[in-house]
């Protein structure tokens, strides 16, 4: 329950706000609260919203903190609006991005991204991360911001430093060709679950589960996911059953993996 100094209930988050505290065109003072199940996320949301609203304050970017009491009787001041400083190496930044710029240039690029930056000792940059940039968690995030400000299209392309020959796996190439031909023939591809029930691959197909080399799940969460499929037919039959209202003919195909247990394996 949120009350004002006179004891009037303003809000009962997260259920409802009160008519007494609704915002009108004449509202001068705005109280911003954030309800969440995770404190870190609540701090991020509160900091961001408060910073955005503070632009329209009479004293621009000036806000007032509130005491938030815990059940133990202690309290914290929110919003925190904390700044922190990160140090990054100029040479590392250039190497990661693939450019060759001096520290002053990199500092200017970061400043363009709302990250005030100054040159520090030992060819380092001291970056001041404001409360509006909670997305900056690691030095890699700062390298990314430098690359964005610099312009991805301006980064020179270069060959890989290691000798490598890439090629598509033959089986993947074959299945892609098969999919293309089936689609050209007017068939629609179905993508069904890899897991299914024991009945799907046995009883419903007129077979005995003991005669099927299926890989069984030791602790299935539902009856629908007990084994790994040994054939694709059950999934297609389920798709047909779920689309009986569709106009005929239903032309379906599926090219996917199946799993057969190796009984000779130890």
Protein backbone atom coordinates (compact mmCIF):
# COMPACT_ATOMS: atom_id res chain seq x y z
CA UNK A 1 0.00 0.00 0.00
CA UNK A 2 1.35 3.44 -0.95
CA UNK A 3 0.06 6.38 1.09
CA UNK A 4 0.82 10.08 1.09
CA UNK A 5 1.84 12.10 4.15
CA UNK A 6 -1.83 12.55 5.14
CA UNK A 7 -2.48 8.80 5.11
CA UNK A 8 -4.51 8.80 1.89
CA UNK A 9 -4.05 5.61 -0.12
CA UNK A 10 -2.48 6.45 -3.47
CA UNK A 11 -1.95 3.00 -4.91
CA UNK A 12 -2.07 -0.70 -4.16
CA UNK A 13 0.50 -2.08 -6.62
CA UNK A 14 0.36 -4.03 -8.76
CA UNK A 15 -3.44 -4.18 -8.60
CA UNK A 16 -4.84 -0.70 -8.98
CA UNK A 17 -4.10 2.99 -8.68
CA UNK A 18 -6.38 5.49 -6.98
CA UNK A 19 -8.54 8.27 -8.34
CA UNK A 20 -6.92 10.58 -5.82
CA UNK A 21 -3.51 10.13 -7.45
CA UNK A 22 -4.41 10.13 -11.14
CA UNK A 23 -2.36 12.34 -13.45
CA UNK A 24 -4.03 15.31 -15.14
CA UNK A 25 -2.79 18.17 -17.30
CA UNK A 26 -2.36 20.22 -14.13
CA UNK A 27 -0.20 17.65 -12.32
CA UNK A 28 3.08 19.09 -11.12
CA UNK A 29 4.52 16.33 -8.92
CA UNK A 30 4.79 12.77 -10.24
CA UNK A 31 5.59 9.77 -8.04
CA UNK A 32 7.04 6.84 -10.01
CA UNK A 33 6.99 3.36 -8.50
CA UNK A 34 8.04 0.05 -9.97
CA UNK A 35 6.83 -3.39 -8.89
CA UNK A 36 8.81 -6.49 -9.85
CA UNK A 37 9.76 -9.95 -8.66
CA UNK A 38 13.45 -9.28 -9.30
CA UNK A 39 15.17 -6.37 -7.55
CA UNK A 40 17.84 -5.88 -10.23
CA UNK A 41 15.26 -5.64 -13.00
CA UNK A 42 13.15 -3.27 -10.91
CA UNK A 43 16.16 -0.97 -10.40
CA UNK A 44 16.91 -0.98 -14.14
CA UNK A 45 13.31 -0.12 -15.09
CA UNK A 46 12.98 2.54 -12.39
CA UNK A 47 16.29 4.21 -13.29
CA UNK A 48 15.39 4.29 -16.98
CA UNK A 49 11.88 5.70 -16.53
CA UNK A 50 12.97 8.29 -13.96
CA UNK A 51 15.80 9.49 -16.21
CA UNK A 52 13.40 9.84 -19.13
CA UNK A 53 10.83 11.80 -17.10
CA UNK A 54 13.46 14.00 -15.45
CA UNK A 55 13.97 15.80 -18.75
CA UNK A 56 10.59 17.51 -18.23
CA UNK A 57 11.17 18.61 -14.62
CA UNK A 58 11.19 22.30 -13.74
CA UNK A 59 14.76 21.79 -12.60
CA UNK A 60 15.80 19.61 -15.51
CA UNK A 61 17.25 16.20 -14.59
CA UNK A 62 16.61 16.75 -10.89
CA UNK A 63 14.62 14.08 -9.01
CA UNK A 64 13.90 13.26 -5.38
CA UNK A 65 14.69 9.91 -3.78
CA UNK A 66 12.26 7.95 -1.63
CA UNK A 67 12.79 5.63 1.31
CA UNK A 68 11.69 2.06 0.60
CA UNK A 69 11.32 0.03 3.79
CA UNK A 70 11.87 -3.72 3.97
CA UNK A 71 9.93 -6.09 6.28
CA UNK A 72 12.97 -6.06 8.61
CA UNK A 73 12.55 -2.33 9.18
CA UNK A 74 15.59 -1.22 7.18
CA UNK A 75 15.26 1.02 4.17
CA UNK A 76 17.00 1.85 0.91
CA UNK A 77 16.90 5.06 -1.10
CA UNK A 78 15.51 4.76 -4.63
CA UNK A 79 16.08 5.53 -7.43
CA UNK A 80 19.79 4.91 -7.07
CA UNK A 81 20.85 6.44 -10.42
CA UNK A 82 24.37 5.18 -9.90
CA UNK A 83 27.24 5.90 -12.29
CA UNK A 84 30.15 3.53 -12.64
CA UNK A 85 33.49 3.71 -14.42
CA UNK A 86 34.88 1.07 -16.77
CA UNK A 87 38.45 0.93 -18.09
CA UNK A 88 39.16 -0.42 -21.57
CA UNK A 89 42.43 -0.69 -23.47
CA UNK A 90 42.79 1.32 -26.69
CA UNK A 91 44.80 -1.38 -28.49
CA UNK A 92 42.33 -4.11 -27.52
CA UNK A 93 39.42 -2.04 -28.77
CA UNK A 94 41.14 -1.47 -32.12
CA UNK A 95 42.07 -5.14 -32.47
CA UNK A 96 38.62 -6.44 -31.59
CA UNK A 97 36.89 -4.10 -34.03
CA UNK A 98 39.51 -4.18 -36.78
CA UNK A 99 40.32 -0.47 -36.96
CA UNK A 100 43.30 1.71 -36.11
CA UNK A 101 42.28 4.86 -34.25
CA UNK A 102 43.95 6.80 -31.44
CA UNK A 103 42.52 7.16 -27.95
CA UNK A 104 41.05 10.61 -28.55
CA UNK A 105 39.06 9.33 -31.52
CA UNK A 106 37.73 6.33 -29.60
CA UNK A 107 36.80 8.57 -26.67
CA UNK A 108 34.86 10.83 -29.02
CA UNK A 109 33.03 7.84 -30.52
CA UNK A 110 31.99 6.56 -27.10
CA UNK A 111 30.86 10.04 -26.06
CA UNK A 112 28.57 10.07 -29.09
CA UNK A 113 26.93 6.94 -27.63
CA UNK A 114 26.06 8.78 -24.38
CA UNK A 115 29.09 7.32 -22.63
CA UNK A 116 31.34 10.18 -21.43
CA UNK A 117 34.93 9.02 -21.92
CA UNK A 118 38.36 10.40 -21.12
CA UNK A 119 41.91 9.22 -21.71
CA UNK A 120 43.46 7.44 -18.75
CA UNK A 121 46.94 6.14 -18.06
CA UNK A 122 48.64 3.28 -19.93
CA UNK A 123 46.75 3.79 -23.19
CA UNK A 124 43.40 3.19 -21.52
CA UNK A 125 40.01 4.85 -21.72
CA UNK A 126 37.95 5.63 -18.63
CA UNK A 127 34.30 5.27 -19.60
CA UNK A 128 31.60 6.68 -17.32
CA UNK A 129 28.52 4.50 -17.65
CA UNK A 130 25.32 6.41 -16.72
CA UNK A 131 22.17 4.87 -15.19
CA UNK A 132 20.49 5.10 -18.60
CA UNK A 133 22.89 2.50 -20.02
CA UNK A 134 22.23 -0.62 -17.97
CA UNK A 135 22.82 -2.59 -21.18
CA UNK A 136 26.56 -1.98 -20.78
CA UNK A 137 27.67 -4.99 -18.76
CA UNK A 138 31.08 -5.93 -20.15
CA UNK A 139 33.95 -4.33 -22.04
CA UNK A 140 32.65 -6.06 -25.18
CA UNK A 141 29.54 -3.86 -24.97
CA UNK A 142 31.79 -0.80 -25.13
CA UNK A 143 33.67 -2.22 -28.12
CA UNK A 144 30.32 -2.73 -29.83
CA UNK A 145 29.30 0.87 -29.18
CA UNK A 146 32.60 2.07 -30.66
CA UNK A 147 31.94 -0.02 -33.78
CA UNK A 148 28.39 1.34 -34.09
CA UNK A 149 29.54 4.96 -33.75
CA UNK A 150 32.43 4.34 -36.15
CA UNK A 151 30.12 2.71 -38.71
CA UNK A 152 30.15 -0.98 -39.58
CA UNK A 153 30.43 -0.19 -43.29
CA UNK A 154 33.65 1.74 -42.67
CA UNK A 155 35.43 -1.17 -40.98
CA UNK A 156 37.86 -2.63 -43.54
CA UNK A 157 37.33 -6.24 -44.49
CA UNK A 158 40.21 -8.64 -44.03
CA UNK A 159 40.88 -12.29 -44.62
CA UNK A 160 40.86 -14.74 -41.76
CA UNK A 161 44.22 -15.10 -40.04
CA UNK A 162 43.96 -18.89 -40.00
CA UNK A 163 43.76 -21.22 -42.98
CA UNK A 164 40.33 -22.81 -43.09
CA UNK A 165 38.08 -24.35 -45.69
CA UNK A 166 34.39 -24.25 -44.95
CA UNK A 167 31.82 -26.39 -46.69
CA UNK A 168 28.29 -27.55 -46.10
CA UNK A 169 27.89 -30.97 -44.53
CA UNK A 170 26.93 -33.41 -47.33
CA UNK A 171 23.86 -34.69 -45.49
CA UNK A 172 22.62 -31.15 -44.88
CA UNK A 173 23.10 -30.31 -48.56
CA UNK A 174 21.15 -33.40 -49.61
CA UNK A 175 18.24 -32.70 -47.25
CA UNK A 176 18.02 -29.09 -48.45
CA UNK A 177 17.85 -30.28 -52.04
CA UNK A 178 15.13 -32.79 -51.13
CA UNK A 179 13.12 -30.10 -49.32
CA UNK A 180 13.37 -27.82 -52.33
CA UNK A 181 12.15 -30.50 -54.74
CA UNK A 182 9.26 -31.51 -52.46
CA UNK A 183 8.19 -27.88 -52.13
CA UNK A 184 8.34 -27.45 -55.92
CA UNK A 185 6.07 -30.49 -56.23
CA UNK A 186 3.41 -28.70 -54.17
CA UNK A 187 4.01 -30.29 -50.77
CA UNK A 188 4.04 -28.38 -47.48
CA UNK A 189 6.82 -29.11 -45.02
CA UNK A 190 5.85 -30.11 -41.48
CA UNK A 191 8.11 -29.66 -38.47
CA UNK A 192 7.03 -31.92 -35.63
CA UNK A 193 8.43 -32.70 -32.18
CA UNK A 194 11.41 -35.05 -31.92
CA UNK A 195 9.90 -36.60 -28.78
CA UNK A 196 6.63 -38.50 -28.77
CA UNK A 197 4.70 -41.01 -26.66
CA UNK A 198 5.35 -44.74 -26.62
CA UNK A 199 1.92 -45.37 -28.16
CA UNK A 200 2.70 -43.08 -31.10
CA UNK A 201 5.49 -45.33 -32.38
CA UNK A 202 4.00 -48.67 -31.31
CA UNK A 203 0.30 -49.25 -30.62
CA UNK A 204 -0.98 -46.63 -33.04
CA UNK A 205 1.14 -48.16 -35.80
CA UNK A 206 0.19 -51.74 -34.95
CA UNK A 207 3.57 -52.56 -33.41
CA UNK A 208 4.85 -53.67 -30.02
CA UNK A 209 7.02 -51.27 -28.06
CA UNK A 210 9.33 -54.15 -27.09
CA UNK A 211 10.21 -54.73 -30.74
CA UNK A 212 11.13 -51.10 -31.44
CA UNK A 213 14.72 -49.91 -30.82
CA UNK A 214 13.58 -46.65 -29.26
CA UNK A 215 15.54 -44.39 -26.91
CA UNK A 216 13.38 -43.92 -23.82
CA UNK A 217 13.37 -40.81 -21.63
CA UNK A 218 14.12 -41.82 -18.03
CA UNK A 219 12.02 -39.04 -16.44
CA UNK A 220 9.46 -37.80 -18.98
CA UNK A 221 7.60 -34.66 -17.94
CA UNK A 222 4.45 -35.56 -19.89
CA UNK A 223 2.99 -38.63 -21.57
CA UNK A 224 3.48 -36.92 -24.93
CA UNK A 225 7.28 -36.92 -24.60
CA UNK A 226 8.33 -40.41 -23.50
CA UNK A 227 10.62 -41.58 -26.30
CA UNK A 228 12.66 -40.18 -29.16
CA UNK A 229 10.87 -40.84 -32.42
CA UNK A 230 12.07 -43.77 -34.52
CA UNK A 231 9.95 -42.83 -37.56
CA UNK A 232 8.45 -39.60 -38.88
CA UNK A 233 4.98 -41.00 -39.59
CA UNK A 234 3.42 -40.35 -36.13
CA UNK A 235 4.18 -36.64 -36.33
CA UNK A 236 2.67 -36.35 -39.80
CA UNK A 237 -0.44 -38.25 -38.71
CA UNK A 238 -0.88 -35.86 -35.77
CA UNK A 239 -0.51 -32.93 -38.16
CA UNK A 240 -3.22 -34.39 -40.38
CA UNK A 241 -5.51 -34.94 -37.38
CA UNK A 242 -5.07 -31.32 -36.30
CA UNK A 243 -5.85 -30.00 -39.79
CA UNK A 244 -8.89 -32.06 -40.77
CA UNK A 245 -10.85 -28.87 -41.45
CA UNK A 246 -8.40 -27.77 -44.12
CA UNK A 247 -9.41 -28.31 -47.76
CA UNK A 248 -8.18 -31.47 -49.43
CA UNK A 249 -5.75 -32.62 -50.60
CA UNK A 250 -3.31 -32.18 -47.72
CA UNK A 251 0.15 -32.74 -49.18
CA UNK A 252 2.68 -32.89 -46.35
CA UNK A 253 6.28 -33.98 -46.02
CA UNK A 254 8.96 -33.93 -43.34
CA UNK A 255 12.70 -34.45 -43.55
CA UNK A 256 14.17 -34.67 -40.06
CA UNK A 257 16.24 -36.85 -37.76
CA UNK A 258 15.13 -40.04 -36.04
CA UNK A 259 16.95 -41.97 -33.32
CA UNK A 260 17.37 -45.74 -33.15
CA UNK A 261 18.88 -47.28 -30.03
CA UNK A 262 21.95 -49.46 -30.58
CA UNK A 263 21.30 -52.59 -28.55
CA UNK A 264 24.87 -53.80 -29.10
CA UNK A 265 26.34 -50.75 -27.37
CA UNK A 266 27.58 -51.27 -23.83
